[in-house]
N, C-alpha and C. Protein backbone atom coordinates (compact mmCIF):
# COMPACT_ATOMS: atom_id res chain seq x y z
N MET A 1 0.88 -0.88 0.08
CA MET A 1 -0.04 0.18 -0.42
C MET A 1 0.79 1.34 0.04
N ASP A 2 0.75 1.98 -0.68
CA ASP A 2 1.01 3.48 -0.71
C ASP A 2 0.86 4.42 0.61
N MET A 3 2.04 5.00 1.12
CA MET A 3 1.82 5.64 2.20
C MET A 3 0.94 6.78 1.59
N ILE A 4 -0.26 7.01 2.76
CA ILE A 4 -1.07 8.28 2.67
C ILE A 4 -0.86 9.36 3.49
N THR A 5 -0.49 10.43 3.80
CA THR A 5 -0.13 11.29 4.41
C THR A 5 -1.68 12.46 4.36
N ILE A 6 -1.95 12.27 5.55
CA ILE A 6 -3.11 13.30 6.23
C ILE A 6 -2.77 14.77 6.62
N SER A 7 -2.65 15.69 5.88
CA SER A 7 -2.22 16.89 6.64
C SER A 7 -3.39 17.39 7.35
N THR A 8 -2.82 17.71 9.03
CA THR A 8 -3.53 18.35 9.80
C THR A 8 -3.49 19.98 9.86
N LYS A 9 -3.09 20.73 9.12
CA LYS A 9 -2.28 22.25 9.39
C LYS A 9 -2.02 22.35 10.60
N CYS A 10 -1.31 21.87 11.12
CA CYS A 10 -0.58 22.12 12.13
C CYS A 10 0.06 23.06 12.47
N GLU A 11 -0.16 24.01 13.55
CA GLU A 11 0.94 25.28 13.60
C GLU A 11 2.05 24.71 14.27
N THR A 12 2.71 25.56 14.66
CA THR A 12 4.07 25.00 15.59
C THR A 12 3.89 24.58 17.10
N ALA A 13 4.26 23.68 17.32
CA ALA A 13 3.95 23.18 18.78
C ALA A 13 4.92 23.72 19.49
N ARG A 14 4.79 23.77 20.79
CA ARG A 14 5.91 24.08 21.78
C ARG A 14 6.54 22.81 22.50
N TYR A 15 8.05 23.02 22.89
CA TYR A 15 8.42 21.94 23.58
C TYR A 15 8.97 22.42 24.31
N PRO A 16 9.26 21.57 25.73
CA PRO A 16 9.08 20.36 25.80
C PRO A 16 7.39 20.10 25.80
N MET A 17 6.73 19.15 25.53
CA MET A 17 5.36 19.15 25.34
C MET A 17 4.47 18.98 26.68
N GLY A 18 5.11 18.64 27.97
CA GLY A 18 4.84 18.70 29.19
C GLY A 18 4.79 20.04 29.64
N GLU A 19 5.52 20.48 29.30
CA GLU A 19 5.90 22.17 29.91
C GLU A 19 4.64 23.29 29.36
N TYR A 20 4.66 22.80 28.07
CA TYR A 20 3.46 23.46 27.25
C TYR A 20 2.20 22.94 26.92
N ILE A 21 1.83 21.88 27.93
CA ILE A 21 0.33 20.98 27.48
C ILE A 21 -0.60 22.10 27.22
N GLN A 22 -1.12 22.92 27.65
CA GLN A 22 -2.24 23.61 27.46
C GLN A 22 -1.85 24.15 25.91
N GLU A 23 -0.65 24.68 25.63
CA GLU A 23 -0.29 25.39 24.09
C GLU A 23 -0.69 24.33 23.14
N ASN A 24 -0.07 22.96 23.63
CA ASN A 24 0.05 21.91 22.68
C ASN A 24 -1.23 21.62 22.27
N ILE A 25 -2.21 21.61 23.00
CA ILE A 25 -3.46 20.59 23.06
C ILE A 25 -4.28 20.99 21.85
N PRO A 26 -4.24 21.97 20.96
CA PRO A 26 -4.98 22.43 20.10
C PRO A 26 -4.31 21.47 18.58
N GLU A 27 -3.26 21.53 18.68
CA GLU A 27 -2.08 20.78 18.06
C GLU A 27 -2.20 19.28 18.03
N ILE A 28 -2.23 18.89 19.47
CA ILE A 28 -2.65 17.50 19.06
C ILE A 28 -3.75 17.11 18.77
N GLN A 29 -4.93 17.79 19.29
CA GLN A 29 -6.06 17.90 19.00
C GLN A 29 -6.67 17.44 17.06
N LYS A 30 -5.56 18.49 16.68
CA LYS A 30 -5.76 18.49 15.06
C LYS A 30 -5.19 16.97 14.46
N LEU A 31 -4.30 16.18 15.14
CA LEU A 31 -4.08 15.13 14.87
C LEU A 31 -4.80 13.86 14.98
N ILE A 32 -5.38 14.10 16.31
CA ILE A 32 -6.30 12.93 16.52
C ILE A 32 -7.74 13.10 15.63
N ASP A 33 -8.01 14.50 15.53
CA ASP A 33 -8.99 14.47 14.01
C ASP A 33 -8.78 14.03 13.09
N GLY A 34 -7.31 14.42 12.48
CA GLY A 34 -6.75 13.66 11.21
C GLY A 34 -6.72 12.09 11.24
N PHE A 35 -6.51 11.63 12.55
CA PHE A 35 -6.38 9.99 12.88
C PHE A 35 -7.66 9.53 12.57
N LYS A 36 -9.19 10.22 13.24
CA LYS A 36 -10.41 9.68 13.43
C LYS A 36 -10.87 9.66 11.66
N THR A 37 -10.19 10.18 10.52
CA THR A 37 -10.60 10.13 9.27
C THR A 37 -10.41 9.10 8.69
N ILE A 38 -9.51 7.85 9.20
CA ILE A 38 -8.79 6.77 8.46
C ILE A 38 -10.25 6.01 8.91
N GLU A 39 -10.80 5.47 7.75
CA GLU A 39 -12.17 4.94 7.59
C GLU A 39 -11.76 3.17 8.21
N GLU A 40 -10.55 3.02 7.49
CA GLU A 40 -10.01 1.10 7.82
C GLU A 40 -9.94 0.75 9.31
N PHE A 41 -9.59 2.00 9.94
CA PHE A 41 -9.37 1.82 11.30
C PHE A 41 -10.83 1.95 12.19
N LYS A 42 -11.70 2.45 11.75
CA LYS A 42 -13.00 2.71 12.56
C LYS A 42 -13.39 1.37 13.16
N GLY A 43 -13.57 1.46 14.54
CA GLY A 43 -14.10 0.26 15.09
C GLY A 43 -13.31 -0.93 15.20
N ARG A 44 -12.04 -0.98 15.15
CA ARG A 44 -11.14 -1.68 15.15
C ARG A 44 -10.00 -1.67 16.42
N PRO A 45 -9.93 -2.28 17.49
CA PRO A 45 -8.69 -2.25 18.14
C PRO A 45 -7.58 -1.31 17.88
N ILE A 46 -7.08 -0.44 18.45
CA ILE A 46 -5.95 0.39 18.17
C ILE A 46 -4.84 0.24 19.52
N ASN A 47 -3.35 0.07 19.08
CA ASN A 47 -2.24 -0.05 19.89
C ASN A 47 -1.52 1.56 19.77
N PHE A 48 -1.59 2.47 20.49
CA PHE A 48 -1.16 3.51 20.57
C PHE A 48 0.22 3.34 20.94
N ILE A 49 1.36 3.44 20.37
CA ILE A 49 2.73 2.87 21.25
C ILE A 49 3.60 4.06 20.90
N CYS A 50 4.12 4.52 22.21
CA CYS A 50 5.23 5.69 22.30
C CYS A 50 6.13 5.05 23.25
N MET A 51 7.30 6.60 23.39
CA MET A 51 8.21 6.43 24.04
C MET A 51 8.57 8.05 24.61
N GLY A 52 8.96 7.79 26.24
CA GLY A 52 9.70 9.00 26.81
C GLY A 52 8.16 9.46 27.10
N SER A 53 8.31 10.53 27.93
CA SER A 53 7.16 11.44 28.51
C SER A 53 6.22 11.95 27.31
N SER A 54 6.75 12.74 26.43
CA SER A 54 6.26 13.36 25.41
C SER A 54 5.10 12.77 24.81
N GLY A 55 5.77 11.69 23.97
CA GLY A 55 4.95 10.34 23.36
C GLY A 55 4.04 9.87 24.41
N ALA A 56 4.21 9.78 25.82
CA ALA A 56 3.15 9.23 26.65
C ALA A 56 1.54 10.41 26.71
N ILE A 57 2.36 11.45 26.74
CA ILE A 57 1.38 12.75 26.95
C ILE A 57 0.50 12.34 25.51
N VAL A 58 0.94 12.33 24.39
CA VAL A 58 0.27 12.25 23.08
C VAL A 58 -0.59 10.97 23.30
N ALA A 59 -0.44 9.90 23.52
CA ALA A 59 -0.75 8.85 23.41
C ALA A 59 -2.14 8.86 24.28
N ALA A 60 -1.84 9.53 25.52
CA ALA A 60 -3.23 9.61 26.37
C ALA A 60 -3.86 10.13 25.85
N LEU A 61 -3.87 11.36 25.15
CA LEU A 61 -4.35 12.16 24.95
C LEU A 61 -5.57 11.53 23.68
N PHE A 62 -4.80 10.83 22.93
CA PHE A 62 -5.12 9.98 21.70
C PHE A 62 -6.34 8.81 22.58
N SER A 63 -5.58 8.18 23.41
CA SER A 63 -6.48 6.98 24.07
C SER A 63 -7.76 7.78 24.43
N LEU A 64 -7.86 8.74 25.33
CA LEU A 64 -9.18 9.28 25.84
C LEU A 64 -10.20 9.50 24.41
N GLN A 65 -9.71 9.82 23.22
CA GLN A 65 -10.81 10.06 22.24
C GLN A 65 -11.20 8.95 21.38
N VAL A 66 -10.29 7.93 21.17
CA VAL A 66 -10.59 6.33 20.51
C VAL A 66 -10.97 5.35 21.13
N ASP A 67 -12.32 4.99 20.93
CA ASP A 67 -12.40 4.00 21.60
C ASP A 67 -11.78 2.50 21.28
N ASN A 68 -11.74 1.55 22.07
CA ASN A 68 -10.91 0.36 21.97
C ASN A 68 -9.48 0.70 21.60
N SER A 69 -8.93 1.48 22.35
CA SER A 69 -7.48 1.94 22.27
C SER A 69 -6.95 1.36 23.23
N LYS A 70 -5.72 1.09 23.39
CA LYS A 70 -4.69 0.67 24.48
C LYS A 70 -3.11 1.78 24.26
N ILE A 71 -2.52 1.85 25.46
CA ILE A 71 -1.18 2.29 25.29
C ILE A 71 -0.06 1.54 25.29
N THR A 72 0.76 1.19 24.83
CA THR A 72 2.13 0.62 24.87
C THR A 72 3.05 1.52 24.75
N HIS A 73 3.76 1.62 25.78
CA HIS A 73 4.68 2.66 26.25
C HIS A 73 6.08 1.66 26.17
N ILE A 74 7.10 2.12 25.35
CA ILE A 74 8.21 1.80 25.19
C ILE A 74 9.22 2.35 26.31
N LYS A 75 10.13 1.53 26.90
CA LYS A 75 10.98 2.24 28.00
C LYS A 75 12.13 2.59 27.08
N LYS A 76 12.73 4.08 27.46
CA LYS A 76 14.08 3.99 26.87
C LYS A 76 14.92 3.04 27.71
N ASP A 77 16.26 3.22 27.13
CA ASP A 77 17.38 2.66 27.93
C ASP A 77 17.53 3.18 29.34
N GLY A 78 17.92 1.31 30.23
CA GLY A 78 17.94 2.39 31.54
C GLY A 78 16.78 2.69 32.33
N GLU A 79 15.89 2.42 31.35
CA GLU A 79 14.32 2.62 32.35
C GLU A 79 13.58 1.56 32.36
N SER A 80 13.22 1.22 33.87
CA SER A 80 12.65 -0.07 34.31
C SER A 80 11.35 -0.02 34.72
N SER A 81 10.89 1.08 35.00
CA SER A 81 9.60 1.12 35.93
C SER A 81 8.46 0.47 35.64
N HIS A 82 7.76 0.01 36.27
CA HIS A 82 6.42 -1.07 35.88
C HIS A 82 6.87 -2.17 35.33
N GLY A 83 8.33 -3.04 35.48
CA GLY A 83 8.78 -4.05 34.94
C GLY A 83 9.34 -3.75 33.38
N GLY A 84 9.26 -2.67 33.08
CA GLY A 84 9.94 -2.65 31.80
C GLY A 84 9.30 -2.87 30.82
N ASN A 85 9.99 -3.68 29.55
CA ASN A 85 9.24 -3.76 28.32
C ASN A 85 9.08 -5.44 28.41
N TYR A 86 7.99 -5.53 27.82
CA TYR A 86 7.16 -7.19 27.75
C TYR A 86 6.35 -7.01 26.89
N PHE A 87 6.68 -7.79 25.77
CA PHE A 87 5.67 -7.86 24.75
C PHE A 87 4.97 -8.92 24.19
N ASP A 88 5.38 -10.16 24.96
CA ASP A 88 5.19 -11.42 24.33
C ASP A 88 3.90 -11.57 24.41
N ASN A 89 3.21 -10.82 25.37
CA ASN A 89 1.52 -11.15 25.64
C ASN A 89 0.84 -10.26 24.68
N TYR A 90 1.51 -9.20 23.90
CA TYR A 90 0.53 -8.12 23.15
C TYR A 90 -0.25 -8.64 22.09
N ASP A 91 -0.89 -8.13 21.67
CA ASP A 91 -1.92 -8.37 20.42
C ASP A 91 -1.16 -7.30 19.52
N PHE A 92 -0.20 -7.63 18.86
CA PHE A 92 -0.08 -6.71 17.56
C PHE A 92 -0.88 -6.67 16.31
N LYS A 93 -1.42 -7.45 16.31
CA LYS A 93 -2.21 -8.00 15.07
C LYS A 93 -3.38 -6.78 14.99
N ASN A 94 -3.75 -6.22 15.76
CA ASN A 94 -4.34 -4.86 15.79
C ASN A 94 -4.20 -3.66 14.99
N ILE A 95 -4.42 -2.69 14.93
CA ILE A 95 -3.92 -1.59 13.87
C ILE A 95 -2.78 -0.77 15.05
N ASN A 96 -1.72 -0.66 14.91
CA ASN A 96 -0.39 -0.30 15.38
C ASN A 96 -0.20 1.13 14.79
N VAL A 97 -0.13 1.86 15.81
CA VAL A 97 0.07 3.36 15.69
C VAL A 97 1.20 3.91 16.55
N ILE A 98 1.95 4.66 15.84
CA ILE A 98 3.00 5.00 16.67
C ILE A 98 3.04 6.81 16.71
N VAL A 99 2.74 7.22 17.86
CA VAL A 99 2.60 8.50 18.40
C VAL A 99 3.61 9.31 19.01
N ASP A 100 4.09 10.38 18.78
CA ASP A 100 4.91 11.48 19.25
C ASP A 100 4.75 12.89 18.98
N ASP A 101 5.25 13.54 19.61
CA ASP A 101 5.37 14.85 19.47
C ASP A 101 5.44 15.08 18.24
N PHE A 102 6.82 15.00 17.66
CA PHE A 102 7.82 15.58 16.36
C PHE A 102 8.73 14.52 15.89
N VAL A 103 9.04 14.62 14.76
CA VAL A 103 10.18 13.68 14.26
C VAL A 103 11.26 14.83 13.68
N GLY A 104 12.18 14.52 14.64
CA GLY A 104 13.33 15.43 14.64
C GLY A 104 14.45 15.00 13.49
N THR A 105 14.87 13.49 14.36
CA THR A 105 16.10 13.00 13.76
C THR A 105 15.28 11.58 13.39
N GLY A 106 14.63 11.17 13.71
CA GLY A 106 14.13 9.84 13.53
C GLY A 106 14.30 8.98 14.33
N THR A 107 15.39 9.19 15.18
CA THR A 107 15.91 8.31 16.58
C THR A 107 14.98 7.40 17.28
N THR A 108 13.44 8.35 17.61
CA THR A 108 12.58 7.83 18.64
C THR A 108 12.28 6.91 17.52
N LEU A 109 11.34 7.03 16.97
CA LEU A 109 10.62 6.30 16.10
C LEU A 109 11.40 5.20 15.86
N ASN A 110 12.61 5.21 15.06
CA ASN A 110 13.14 4.01 14.55
C ASN A 110 13.54 3.29 16.09
N LEU A 111 14.05 3.83 17.05
CA LEU A 111 14.11 3.25 18.11
C LEU A 111 13.06 2.32 18.69
N ILE A 112 12.03 2.71 18.76
CA ILE A 112 10.40 1.87 19.30
C ILE A 112 10.60 0.67 17.99
N TYR A 113 10.63 1.05 16.48
CA TYR A 113 10.51 0.04 15.38
C TYR A 113 11.46 -0.85 15.84
N SER A 114 12.94 -0.51 16.32
CA SER A 114 13.38 -1.78 16.25
C SER A 114 13.37 -2.56 17.86
N ILE A 115 12.70 -2.05 18.63
CA ILE A 115 12.63 -2.65 19.91
C ILE A 115 11.10 -3.49 19.64
N ILE A 116 10.11 -3.27 18.76
CA ILE A 116 8.92 -3.96 18.98
C ILE A 116 8.61 -4.85 17.75
N GLY A 117 10.13 -4.70 16.87
CA GLY A 117 9.76 -5.34 15.36
C GLY A 117 10.03 -6.86 15.29
N GLU A 118 10.15 -7.56 16.52
CA GLU A 118 10.14 -8.76 16.56
C GLU A 118 8.53 -9.33 16.71
N TYR A 119 7.88 -8.45 17.37
CA TYR A 119 6.69 -8.75 18.10
C TYR A 119 5.18 -8.37 17.19
N CYS A 120 5.90 -6.89 16.55
CA CYS A 120 4.78 -6.24 15.89
C CYS A 120 5.24 -6.40 14.31
N PRO A 121 4.29 -6.79 13.61
CA PRO A 121 4.55 -7.26 12.23
C PRO A 121 4.45 -5.94 11.28
N HIS A 122 3.51 -5.11 11.84
CA HIS A 122 3.62 -3.62 11.10
C HIS A 122 2.94 -2.65 11.69
N ILE A 123 3.69 -1.28 11.03
CA ILE A 123 3.31 -0.21 11.73
C ILE A 123 2.36 0.41 10.96
N ASN A 124 1.18 0.31 11.05
CA ASN A 124 -0.04 0.89 10.09
C ASN A 124 -0.26 2.64 10.05
N CYS A 125 0.29 3.48 11.22
CA CYS A 125 0.17 4.74 11.29
C CYS A 125 1.31 5.55 12.21
N VAL A 126 1.56 6.43 11.78
CA VAL A 126 2.36 7.61 12.50
C VAL A 126 1.71 9.03 12.45
N CYS A 127 1.49 9.33 13.83
CA CYS A 127 0.96 10.02 14.24
C CYS A 127 2.27 11.23 14.81
N VAL A 128 2.23 12.40 14.13
CA VAL A 128 3.25 13.41 14.91
C VAL A 128 2.91 14.74 14.05
N THR A 129 3.26 15.80 14.87
CA THR A 129 3.23 17.40 14.70
C THR A 129 3.75 17.54 13.34
N ARG A 130 5.31 17.04 13.65
CA ARG A 130 6.16 17.28 12.29
C ARG A 130 6.77 15.92 11.85
N TYR A 131 7.05 15.40 10.34
CA TYR A 131 6.99 14.26 9.83
C TYR A 131 8.27 14.58 8.71
N ASN A 132 9.41 13.55 8.93
CA ASN A 132 10.15 13.78 7.52
C ASN A 132 10.71 12.25 7.45
N GLU A 133 9.77 11.58 6.46
CA GLU A 133 9.93 10.15 5.71
C GLU A 133 11.50 9.98 5.62
N SER A 134 12.31 10.61 5.20
CA SER A 134 13.67 10.75 4.86
C SER A 134 14.20 9.86 6.11
N TYR A 135 13.64 9.80 7.17
CA TYR A 135 14.68 9.93 8.63
C TYR A 135 13.85 8.70 8.82
N ILE A 136 13.24 8.09 8.64
CA ILE A 136 12.12 6.80 9.20
C ILE A 136 12.87 5.64 8.36
N ASN A 137 13.07 4.62 9.00
CA ASN A 137 13.61 3.06 8.60
C ASN A 137 12.60 2.10 8.25
N PHE A 138 11.31 2.35 8.26
CA PHE A 138 9.89 1.63 8.26
C PHE A 138 9.22 2.54 7.26
N ARG A 139 8.34 1.64 6.77
CA ARG A 139 7.14 2.55 6.06
C ARG A 139 5.75 2.32 6.41
N PRO A 140 5.30 3.22 7.48
CA PRO A 140 3.75 2.96 7.87
C PRO A 140 2.82 3.31 6.74
N ASP A 141 1.43 2.75 6.66
CA ASP A 141 0.22 3.04 5.52
C ASP A 141 0.12 4.26 5.51
N TYR A 142 0.24 4.86 6.64
CA TYR A 142 -0.58 6.23 6.86
C TYR A 142 0.49 7.01 7.92
N VAL A 143 0.43 8.42 7.41
CA VAL A 143 0.97 9.66 8.27
C VAL A 143 0.09 10.53 8.47
N VAL A 144 0.22 11.15 9.95
CA VAL A 144 -0.98 12.04 10.16
C VAL A 144 -0.16 13.07 10.72
N SER A 145 0.02 14.47 9.83
CA SER A 145 1.03 15.22 10.25
C SER A 145 0.76 16.32 9.62
N LYS A 146 1.76 17.10 9.82
CA LYS A 146 1.15 19.05 9.02
C LYS A 146 1.78 18.46 7.80
């Protein structure tokens, strides 16, 4: 399938995400609204996959508005809170969506993919306020970005 980019016409988000959460909520809402237009995802179980605090904030905001969803939080190197990373009992046959604040160098998205790649057959969608395809080592079906 060819990648489809859904433009959300986001303005410039402010970083770090947690410090400027009130200012960023309208930008994240545009991503959520764009995501919800993808017909083939409607009514299906969704895994929102994230890493770090900014990714977790974005994933939580998505999960609050998307029925039948869960958050898979990937731990950064050296982080072992709540038992670390265990994916062997996760159902990655669902719709798999990586969410984050933005793509600067692609490191976070590529790291997420390398960590879960053994368990996750495919990333269906990436949702970020800024995306650069040339930095990403995998090809999602959809990108929701500006």
